[in-house]
C-alpha atoms as a PDB file:
ATOM      1  CA  MET A   1     -10.142  -7.883 -19.683  1.00  0.00           C
ATOM      2  CA  PRO A   2      -8.898  -5.222 -22.146  1.00  0.00           C
ATOM      3  CA  GLU A   3      -5.371  -3.993 -21.574  1.00  0.00           C
ATOM      4  CA  PRO A   4      -4.648  -0.249 -21.814  1.00  0.00           C
ATOM      5  CA  THR A   5      -2.106   0.878 -24.348  1.00  0.00           C
ATOM      6  CA  PHE A   6      -0.533   2.934 -21.549  1.00  0.00           C
ATOM      7  CA  GLU A   7      -0.432   1.581 -18.013  1.00  0.00           C
ATOM      8  CA  VAL A   8       0.132   3.397 -14.720  1.00  0.00           C
ATOM      9  CA  ILE A   9       1.831   0.997 -12.304  1.00  0.00           C
ATOM     10  CA  PRO A  10       2.158   1.810  -8.580  1.00  0.00           C
ATOM     11  CA  VAL A  11       5.462   0.993  -6.919  1.00  0.00           C
ATOM     12  CA  ILE A  12       6.006  -0.356  -3.425  1.00  0.00           C
ATOM     13  CA  ASP A  13       9.493  -0.690  -1.957  1.00  0.00           C
ATOM     14  CA  LEU A  14       9.726  -3.318   0.781  1.00  0.00           C
ATOM     15  CA  ARG A  15      12.301  -3.381   3.544  1.00  0.00           C
ATOM     16  CA  GLY A  16      11.998  -5.425   6.714  1.00  0.00           C
ATOM     17  CA  GLY A  17       8.349  -6.178   6.019  1.00  0.00           C
ATOM     18  CA  ALA A  18       7.337  -2.516   5.645  1.00  0.00           C
ATOM     19  CA  VAL A  19       6.715  -0.296   2.620  1.00  0.00           C
ATOM     20  CA  VAL A  20       9.313   2.472   2.692  1.00  0.00           C
ATOM     21  CA  ARG A  21       9.394   5.894   1.054  1.00  0.00           C
ATOM     22  CA  ALA A  22      12.037   5.967  -1.676  1.00  0.00           C
ATOM     23  CA  ARG A  23      14.025   9.042  -2.619  1.00  0.00           C
ATOM     24  CA  LYS A  24      16.954   9.397  -5.043  1.00  0.00           C
ATOM     25  CA  GLY A  25      17.841   5.725  -4.671  1.00  0.00           C
ATOM     26  CA  LEU A  26      19.567   6.490  -1.341  1.00  0.00           C
ATOM     27  CA  ARG A  27      18.264   3.343   0.304  1.00  0.00           C
ATOM     28  CA  GLN A  28      20.061   3.854   3.605  1.00  0.00           C
ATOM     29  CA  PHE A  29      17.713   6.785   4.278  1.00  0.00           C
ATOM     30  CA  TYR A  30      14.416   5.118   3.346  1.00  0.00           C
ATOM     31  CA  GLU A  31      11.849   5.193   6.163  1.00  0.00           C
ATOM     32  CA  PRO A  32       8.461   3.424   6.541  1.00  0.00           C
ATOM     33  CA  ILE A  33       5.935   5.253   4.426  1.00  0.00           C
ATOM     34  CA  VAL A  34       3.339   7.589   5.896  1.00  0.00           C
ATOM     35  CA  THR A  35       0.511   8.069   3.413  1.00  0.00           C
ATOM     36  CA  PRO A  36      -3.106   9.231   3.500  1.00  0.00           C
ATOM     37  CA  LEU A  37      -3.948   6.151   1.431  1.00  0.00           C
ATOM     38  CA  ALA A  38      -3.148   3.597   4.150  1.00  0.00           C
ATOM     39  CA  ARG A  39      -3.435   3.151   7.904  1.00  0.00           C
ATOM     40  CA  SER A  40       0.029   1.605   8.174  1.00  0.00           C
ATOM     41  CA  SER A  41       3.156   0.833   6.186  1.00  0.00           C
ATOM     42  CA  LEU A  42       2.297  -2.865   5.902  1.00  0.00           C
ATOM     43  CA  PRO A  43       2.288  -3.899   2.233  1.00  0.00           C
ATOM     44  CA  GLN A  44      -1.272  -5.241   2.285  1.00  0.00           C
ATOM     45  CA  ASP A  45      -2.569  -1.961   3.759  1.00  0.00           C
ATOM     46  CA  VAL A  46      -0.671   0.135   1.222  1.00  0.00           C
ATOM     47  CA  ILE A  47      -1.864  -1.924  -1.742  1.00  0.00           C
ATOM     48  CA  THR A  48      -5.443  -1.781  -0.433  1.00  0.00           C
ATOM     49  CA  GLY A  49      -5.101   2.001  -0.228  1.00  0.00           C
ATOM     50  CA  LEU A  50      -3.743   2.256  -3.749  1.00  0.00           C
ATOM     51  CA  LEU A  51      -6.635   0.162  -5.064  1.00  0.00           C
ATOM     52  CA  SER A  52      -9.098   2.435  -3.261  1.00  0.00           C
ATOM     53  CA  LEU A  53      -7.671   5.289  -5.310  1.00  0.00           C
ATOM     54  CA  TYR A  54      -7.889   3.481  -8.652  1.00  0.00           C
ATOM     55  CA  PRO A  55      -8.389  -0.114  -9.883  1.00  0.00           C
ATOM     56  CA  PHE A  56      -4.793  -0.688 -10.948  1.00  0.00           C
ATOM     57  CA  HIS A  57      -4.106  -4.127 -12.374  1.00  0.00           C
ATOM     58  CA  THR A  58      -0.311  -4.266 -11.940  1.00  0.00           C
ATOM     59  CA  ILE A  59       1.910  -3.556  -8.915  1.00  0.00           C
ATOM     60  CA  TYR A  60       5.686  -3.197  -9.104  1.00  0.00           C
ATOM     61  CA  LEU A  61       7.397  -4.463  -5.954  1.00  0.00           C
ATOM     62  CA  ALA A  62      11.047  -3.854  -5.141  1.00  0.00           C
ATOM     63  CA  ASP A  63      12.354  -6.322  -2.556  1.00  0.00           C
ATOM     64  CA  LEU A  64      15.078  -4.113  -1.111  1.00  0.00           C
ATOM     65  CA  ASP A  65      16.261  -6.837   1.266  1.00  0.00           C
ATOM     66  CA  GLY A  66      16.798  -9.099  -1.736  1.00  0.00           C
ATOM     67  CA  ILE A  67      18.443  -6.365  -3.780  1.00  0.00           C
ATOM     68  CA  GLU A  68      20.835  -5.549  -0.924  1.00  0.00           C
ATOM     69  CA  ARG A  69      21.417  -9.240  -0.080  1.00  0.00           C
ATOM     70  CA  HIS A  70      20.029  -8.884   3.439  1.00  0.00           C
ATOM     71  CA  GLY A  71      17.293 -11.494   3.102  1.00  0.00           C
ATOM     72  CA  SER A  72      14.069 -11.486   1.102  1.00  0.00           C
ATOM     73  CA  HIS A  73      10.301 -11.012   1.242  1.00  0.00           C
ATOM     74  CA  GLU A  74       9.372 -14.350  -0.305  1.00  0.00           C
ATOM     75  CA  GLN A  75       6.730 -15.147   2.318  1.00  0.00           C
ATOM     76  CA  TYR A  76       5.176 -11.697   1.848  1.00  0.00           C
ATOM     77  CA  LEU A  77       4.970 -12.315  -1.894  1.00  0.00           C
ATOM     78  CA  LYS A  78       2.973 -15.480  -1.320  1.00  0.00           C
ATOM     79  CA  GLU A  79       0.643 -13.688   1.089  1.00  0.00           C
ATOM     80  CA  LEU A  80       0.128 -10.753  -1.281  1.00  0.00           C
ATOM     81  CA  ARG A  81      -0.572 -13.107  -4.160  1.00  0.00           C
ATOM     82  CA  MET A  82      -3.301 -14.763  -2.069  1.00  0.00           C
ATOM     83  CA  ALA A  83      -4.712 -11.452  -0.815  1.00  0.00           C
ATOM     84  CA  PHE A  84      -4.840  -9.859  -4.288  1.00  0.00           C
ATOM     85  CA  PRO A  85      -5.319 -12.742  -6.759  1.00  0.00           C
ATOM     86  CA  VAL A  86      -6.391 -10.539  -9.678  1.00  0.00           C
ATOM     87  CA  LEU A  87      -3.320  -8.300  -9.512  1.00  0.00           C
ATOM     88  CA  ALA A  88      -0.221  -8.826 -11.619  1.00  0.00           C
ATOM     89  CA  PHE A  89       2.980  -8.363  -9.616  1.00  0.00           C
ATOM     90  CA  TRP A  90       6.281  -7.310 -11.177  1.00  0.00           C
ATOM     91  CA  VAL A  91       9.032  -8.085  -8.662  1.00  0.00           C
ATOM     92  CA  ASP A  92      12.651  -6.957  -8.531  1.00  0.00           C
ATOM     93  CA  ALA A  93      14.173  -9.469  -6.102  1.00  0.00           C
ATOM     94  CA  GLY A  94      17.834  -8.607  -6.715  1.00  0.00           C
ATOM     95  CA  ILE A  95      18.438 -11.508  -9.096  1.00  0.00           C
ATOM     96  CA  SER A  96      22.060 -11.862 -10.197  1.00  0.00           C
ATOM     97  CA  ASP A  97      22.163 -14.807 -12.616  1.00  0.00           C
ATOM     98  CA  ALA A  98      20.119 -17.190 -14.742  1.00  0.00           C
ATOM     99  CA  ALA A  99      20.027 -20.062 -12.251  1.00  0.00           C
ATOM    100  CA  GLU A 100      18.702 -17.751  -9.553  1.00  0.00           C
ATOM    101  CA  ALA A 101      16.105 -16.359 -11.969  1.00  0.00           C
ATOM    102  CA  ARG A 102      14.864 -19.823 -12.957  1.00  0.00           C
ATOM    103  CA  ALA A 103      14.639 -20.901  -9.316  1.00  0.00           C
ATOM    104  CA  TRP A 104      12.704 -17.757  -8.368  1.00  0.00           C
ATOM    105  CA  LEU A 105      10.198 -18.205 -11.176  1.00  0.00           C
ATOM    106  CA  GLY A 106       9.763 -21.826 -10.181  1.00  0.00           C
ATOM    107  CA  ARG A 107       8.846 -20.790  -6.646  1.00  0.00           C
ATOM    108  CA  HIS A 108       6.488 -18.000  -7.696  1.00  0.00           C
ATOM    109  CA  ASP A 109       4.065 -19.221 -10.312  1.00  0.00           C
ATOM    110  CA  GLY A 110       2.133 -16.343 -11.844  1.00  0.00           C
ATOM    111  CA  LEU A 111       4.503 -13.567 -10.745  1.00  0.00           C
ATOM    112  CA  HIS A 112       6.643 -11.567 -13.153  1.00  0.00           C
ATOM    113  CA  LEU A 113      10.374 -11.221 -12.477  1.00  0.00           C
ATOM    114  CA  VAL A 114      12.211  -7.954 -13.050  1.00  0.00           C
ATOM    115  CA  LEU A 115      15.875  -8.471 -13.908  1.00  0.00           C
ATOM    116  CA  GLY A 116      17.497  -5.283 -12.654  1.00  0.00           C
ATOM    117  CA  SER A 117      20.709  -4.423 -14.475  1.00  0.00           C
ATOM    118  CA  GLU A 118      22.038  -3.099 -11.149  1.00  0.00           C
ATOM    119  CA  THR A 119      22.313  -6.631  -9.718  1.00  0.00           C
ATOM    120  CA  LEU A 120      22.906  -8.715 -12.869  1.00  0.00           C
ATOM    121  CA  GLU A 121      26.388 -10.207 -12.971  1.00  0.00           C
ATOM    122  CA  SER A 122      26.320 -10.872 -16.723  1.00  0.00           C
ATOM    123  CA  LEU A 123      23.994 -11.083 -19.713  1.00  0.00           C
ATOM    124  CA  VAL A 124      23.543 -14.853 -19.362  1.00  0.00           C
ATOM    125  CA  ALA A 125      20.144 -14.419 -17.688  1.00  0.00           C
ATOM    126  CA  LEU A 126      18.934 -12.399 -20.680  1.00  0.00           C
ATOM    127  CA  GLU A 127      20.071 -15.184 -23.007  1.00  0.00           C
ATOM    128  CA  ASP A 128      18.099 -17.833 -21.073  1.00  0.00           C
ATOM    129  CA  LEU A 129      15.006 -18.584 -23.142  1.00  0.00           C
ATOM    130  CA  ALA A 130      13.638 -20.672 -20.256  1.00  0.00           C
ATOM    131  CA  LEU A 131      12.687 -17.430 -18.516  1.00  0.00           C
ATOM    132  CA  GLY A 132      10.050 -16.867 -21.189  1.00  0.00           C
ATOM    133  CA  GLY A 133       7.484 -14.104 -21.093  1.00  0.00           C
ATOM    134  CA  ARG A 134       7.498 -13.669 -17.314  1.00  0.00           C
ATOM    135  CA  ALA A 135      10.807 -11.788 -17.243  1.00  0.00           C
ATOM    136  CA  LEU A 136      11.326  -8.052 -17.686  1.00  0.00           C
ATOM    137  CA  LEU A 137      14.526  -6.033 -17.861  1.00  0.00           C
ATOM    138  CA  SER A 138      15.098  -2.910 -15.806  1.00  0.00           C
ATOM    139  CA  LEU A 139      17.828  -0.655 -17.168  1.00  0.00           C
ATOM    140  CA  ASP A 140      18.943   0.942 -13.900  1.00  0.00           C
ATOM    141  CA  TYR A 141      20.560   4.369 -14.168  1.00  0.00           C
ATOM    142  CA  ARG A 142      22.181   6.555 -11.553  1.00  0.00           C
ATOM    143  CA  GLY A 143      22.753   9.904 -13.161  1.00  0.00           C
ATOM    144  CA  ASN A 144      24.269   9.246 -16.563  1.00  0.00           C
ATOM    145  CA  ASP A 145      25.607   5.833 -15.605  1.00  0.00           C
ATOM    146  CA  LEU A 146      23.874   2.613 -16.632  1.00  0.00           C
ATOM    147  CA  LEU A 147      24.443   0.194 -13.759  1.00  0.00           C
ATOM    148  CA  GLY A 148      25.323  -3.445 -14.366  1.00  0.00           C
ATOM    149  CA  PRO A 149      27.133  -5.329 -17.137  1.00  0.00           C
ATOM    150  CA  GLY A 150      28.795  -2.859 -19.462  1.00  0.00           C
ATOM    151  CA  GLU A 151      27.779  -4.719 -22.612  1.00  0.00           C
ATOM    152  CA  ILE A 152      24.050  -4.615 -21.870  1.00  0.00           C
ATOM    153  CA  TRP A 153      23.443  -1.468 -23.925  1.00  0.00           C
ATOM    154  CA  ASN A 154      25.073  -3.022 -26.969  1.00  0.00           C
ATOM    155  CA  LYS A 155      22.915  -6.157 -26.921  1.00  0.00           C
ATOM    156  CA  PRO A 156      19.312  -4.910 -27.330  1.00  0.00           C
ATOM    157  CA  GLN A 157      18.538  -8.147 -29.196  1.00  0.00           C
ATOM    158  CA  LEU A 158      18.722  -9.877 -25.804  1.00  0.00           C
ATOM    159  CA  TRP A 159      16.297  -7.505 -24.094  1.00  0.00           C
ATOM    160  CA  PRO A 160      12.882  -9.016 -23.304  1.00  0.00           C
ATOM    161  CA  ALA A 161       9.608  -7.620 -24.650  1.00  0.00           C
ATOM    162  CA  ARG A 162       9.147  -5.350 -21.627  1.00  0.00           C
ATOM    163  CA  VAL A 163      11.869  -2.907 -20.572  1.00  0.00           C
ATOM    164  CA  ILE A 164      11.788  -0.536 -17.597  1.00  0.00           C
ATOM    165  CA  VAL A 165      14.021   2.528 -17.651  1.00  0.00           C
ATOM    166  CA  MET A 166      14.717   3.218 -13.969  1.00  0.00           C
ATOM    167  CA  ASP A 167      16.292   6.555 -13.068  1.00  0.00           C
ATOM    168  CA  LEU A 168      17.273   6.039  -9.428  1.00  0.00           C
ATOM    169  CA  ALA A 169      18.420   9.624  -8.929  1.00  0.00           C
ATOM    170  CA  ARG A 170      14.944  10.921  -9.880  1.00  0.00           C
ATOM    171  CA  VAL A 171      12.933   8.543  -7.687  1.00  0.00           C
ATOM    172  CA  GLY A 172      10.770  10.516  -5.261  1.00  0.00           C
ATOM    173  CA  THR A 173      12.137  13.887  -6.393  1.00  0.00           C
ATOM    174  CA  ASN A 174       9.229  15.398  -8.359  1.00  0.00           C
ATOM    175  CA  ALA A 175      11.844  16.237 -10.995  1.00  0.00           C
ATOM    176  CA  GLY A 176      10.031  14.770 -13.990  1.00  0.00           C
ATOM    177  CA  PRO A 177      11.125  11.852 -16.175  1.00  0.00           C
ATOM    178  CA  GLU A 178      14.278  11.894 -18.282  1.00  0.00           C
ATOM    179  CA  PHE A 179      12.442  12.013 -21.613  1.00  0.00           C
ATOM    180  CA  TYR A 180      15.556  12.103 -23.783  1.00  0.00           C
ATOM    181  CA  ARG A 181      16.876   8.850 -22.294  1.00  0.00           C
ATOM    182  CA  LEU A 182      13.488   7.143 -22.559  1.00  0.00           C
ATOM    183  CA  GLU A 183      13.175   8.059 -26.222  1.00  0.00           C
ATOM    184  CA  LYS A 184      16.752   6.853 -26.805  1.00  0.00           C
ATOM    185  CA  VAL A 185      15.910   3.471 -25.275  1.00  0.00           C
ATOM    186  CA  LYS A 186      12.755   3.269 -27.375  1.00  0.00           C
ATOM    187  CA  ARG A 187      14.762   3.895 -30.528  1.00  0.00           C
ATOM    188  CA  ARG A 188      17.242   1.245 -29.399  1.00  0.00           C
ATOM    189  CA  ALA A 189      14.489  -1.355 -28.988  1.00  0.00           C
ATOM    190  CA  PRO A 190      11.540  -0.140 -31.074  1.00  0.00           C
ATOM    191  CA  LYS A 191       9.537  -3.344 -30.651  1.00  0.00           C
ATOM    192  CA  ALA A 192       9.809  -3.399 -26.859  1.00  0.00           C
ATOM    193  CA  ARG A 193       7.196  -2.046 -24.474  1.00  0.00           C
ATOM    194  CA  VAL A 194       9.143   0.632 -22.584  1.00  0.00           C
ATOM    195  CA  TYR A 195       8.120   1.835 -19.110  1.00  0.00           C
ATOM    196  CA  ALA A 196       9.357   5.002 -17.377  1.00  0.00           C
ATOM    197  CA  ALA A 197      10.362   4.876 -13.712  1.00  0.00           C
ATOM    198  CA  GLY A 198      11.552   7.769 -11.592  1.00  0.00           C
ATOM    199  CA  GLY A 199      10.408  11.371 -11.344  1.00  0.00           C
ATOM    200  CA  VAL A 200       6.846  11.163 -12.728  1.00  0.00           C
ATOM    201  CA  ARG A 201       5.006  14.191 -11.333  1.00  0.00           C
ATOM    202  CA  ASP A 202       1.472  14.346 -12.644  1.00  0.00           C
ATOM    203  CA  GLY A 203      -0.966  13.720 -15.465  1.00  0.00           C
ATOM    204  CA  SER A 204       0.891  15.976 -17.865  1.00  0.00           C
ATOM    205  CA  ASP A 205       3.984  13.788 -17.537  1.00  0.00           C
ATOM    206  CA  LEU A 206       1.882  10.702 -18.225  1.00  0.00           C
ATOM    207  CA  LYS A 207       0.408  12.310 -21.322  1.00  0.00           C
ATOM    208  CA  ARG A 208       3.824  13.270 -22.661  1.00  0.00           C
ATOM    209  CA  LEU A 209       5.188   9.782 -21.960  1.00  0.00           C
ATOM    210  CA  ARG A 210       2.362   8.204 -23.894  1.00  0.00           C
ATOM    211  CA  GLU A 211       2.825  10.617 -26.776  1.00  0.00           C
ATOM    212  CA  SER A 212       6.537   9.687 -26.786  1.00  0.00           C
ATOM    213  CA  GLY A 213       5.665   6.044 -27.405  1.00  0.00           C
ATOM    214  CA  MET A 214       6.109   4.722 -23.878  1.00  0.00           C
ATOM    215  CA  SER A 215       3.867   1.842 -22.789  1.00  0.00           C
ATOM    216  CA  GLY A 216       3.522   2.903 -19.176  1.00  0.00           C
ATOM    217  CA  ALA A 217       4.976   4.537 -16.097  1.00  0.00           C
ATOM    218  CA  LEU A 218       5.906   3.352 -12.626  1.00  0.00           C
ATOM    219  CA  VAL A 219       4.734   5.836 -10.008  1.00  0.00           C
ATOM    220  CA  SER A 220       4.752   6.203  -6.238  1.00  0.00           C
ATOM    221  CA  SER A 221       5.237   9.639  -4.687  1.00  0.00           C
ATOM    222  CA  ALA A 222       2.772  11.310  -7.048  1.00  0.00           C
ATOM    223  CA  LEU A 223       0.049   8.939  -5.815  1.00  0.00           C
ATOM    224  CA  HIS A 224       0.798   9.274  -2.109  1.00  0.00           C
ATOM    225  CA  ASP A 225       1.261  13.056  -2.321  1.00  0.00           C
ATOM    226  CA  GLY A 226      -2.022  13.557  -4.172  1.00  0.00           C
ATOM    227  CA  ARG A 227      -0.469  14.929  -7.360  1.00  0.00           C
ATOM    228  CA  LEU A 228      -2.095  12.100  -9.313  1.00  0.00           C
ATOM    229  CA  THR A 229      -5.721  11.893  -8.255  1.00  0.00           C
ATOM    230  CA  ALA A 230      -8.466   9.387  -8.979  1.00  0.00           C
ATOM    231  CA  PRO A 231     -10.262  11.714 -11.450  1.00  0.00           C
ATOM    232  CA  GLU A 232      -6.995  12.371 -13.286  1.00  0.00           C
ATOM    233  CA  LEU A 233      -6.240   8.685 -13.532  1.00  0.00           C
ATOM    234  CA  ALA A 234      -9.765   7.888 -14.697  1.00  0.00           C
ATOM    235  CA  ALA A 235      -9.721  10.645 -17.321  1.00  0.00           C
ATOM    236  CA  PHE A 236      -6.298   9.625 -18.542  1.00  0.00           C
ATOM    237  CA  LYS A 237      -7.330   5.996 -18.879  1.00  0.00           C
ATOM    238  CA  LEU A 238     -10.414   6.927 -20.855  1.00  0.00           C
ATOM    239  CA  GLU A 239      -8.365   8.949 -23.338  1.00  0.00           C
ATOM    240  CA  GLY A 240      -6.445   5.909 -24.510  1.00  0.00           C
ATOM    241  CA  ALA A 241      -7.533   3.123 -26.798  1.00  0.00           C
ATOM    242  CA  THR A 242      -7.656  -0.402 -25.480  1.00  0.00           C
ATOM    243  CA  ARG A 243      -6.763  -3.673 -27.091  1.00  0.00           C
ATOM    244  CA  PRO A 244      -7.688  -7.235 -26.164  1.00  0.00           C
ATOM    245  CA  LYS A 245      -5.123  -9.433 -24.441  1.00  0.00           C
END
């Protein structure tokens, strides 16, 4: 299947077995999502609804219980993998070190692991070549602060081939992406595929992100609120060139 040069990736945030509505990274206030795309907040219903809107081929899943060290959604991951075998899943499970990352990948063949800087204890996980091509890095920002190990910005040579720039304060706000920061990250790691996360509003933001050299965008609220529609997504996809995997 050809891979788009720019990919729109829906986000689902899981807490206690339900998809919750994220806003500004204030997780204590997240509530089960109510969306016209799904009959419930169960992850399988929400993903089915997203796929009815557009045939996405990647889903980003944030395991908030794992990130907050209150448990995990490992069983749900296995069920979702079986229910949607053609989808690629990028999962932030709150991994803190290399041993935990290797163990997670060993349990979840075929899934992609997001190493969120917010929960990383050091850069050792980024140095672990055993993680291979299934690991991504998420540079997690809150405001102007890059969360996680302080030296991470100064070691772009350790960053994997795919890097997410997550602006927690913009999540669910309809504020637009932080283009300056995204372009700064792209200059820092020009060979990496850089993905924007947080604040994407509509098709015009997607177009500008692509023109800025980004490889994709993680989106949620814009899909559930109807600001990114099926015709817009289809038209946007058709504008871009494709390349074989």
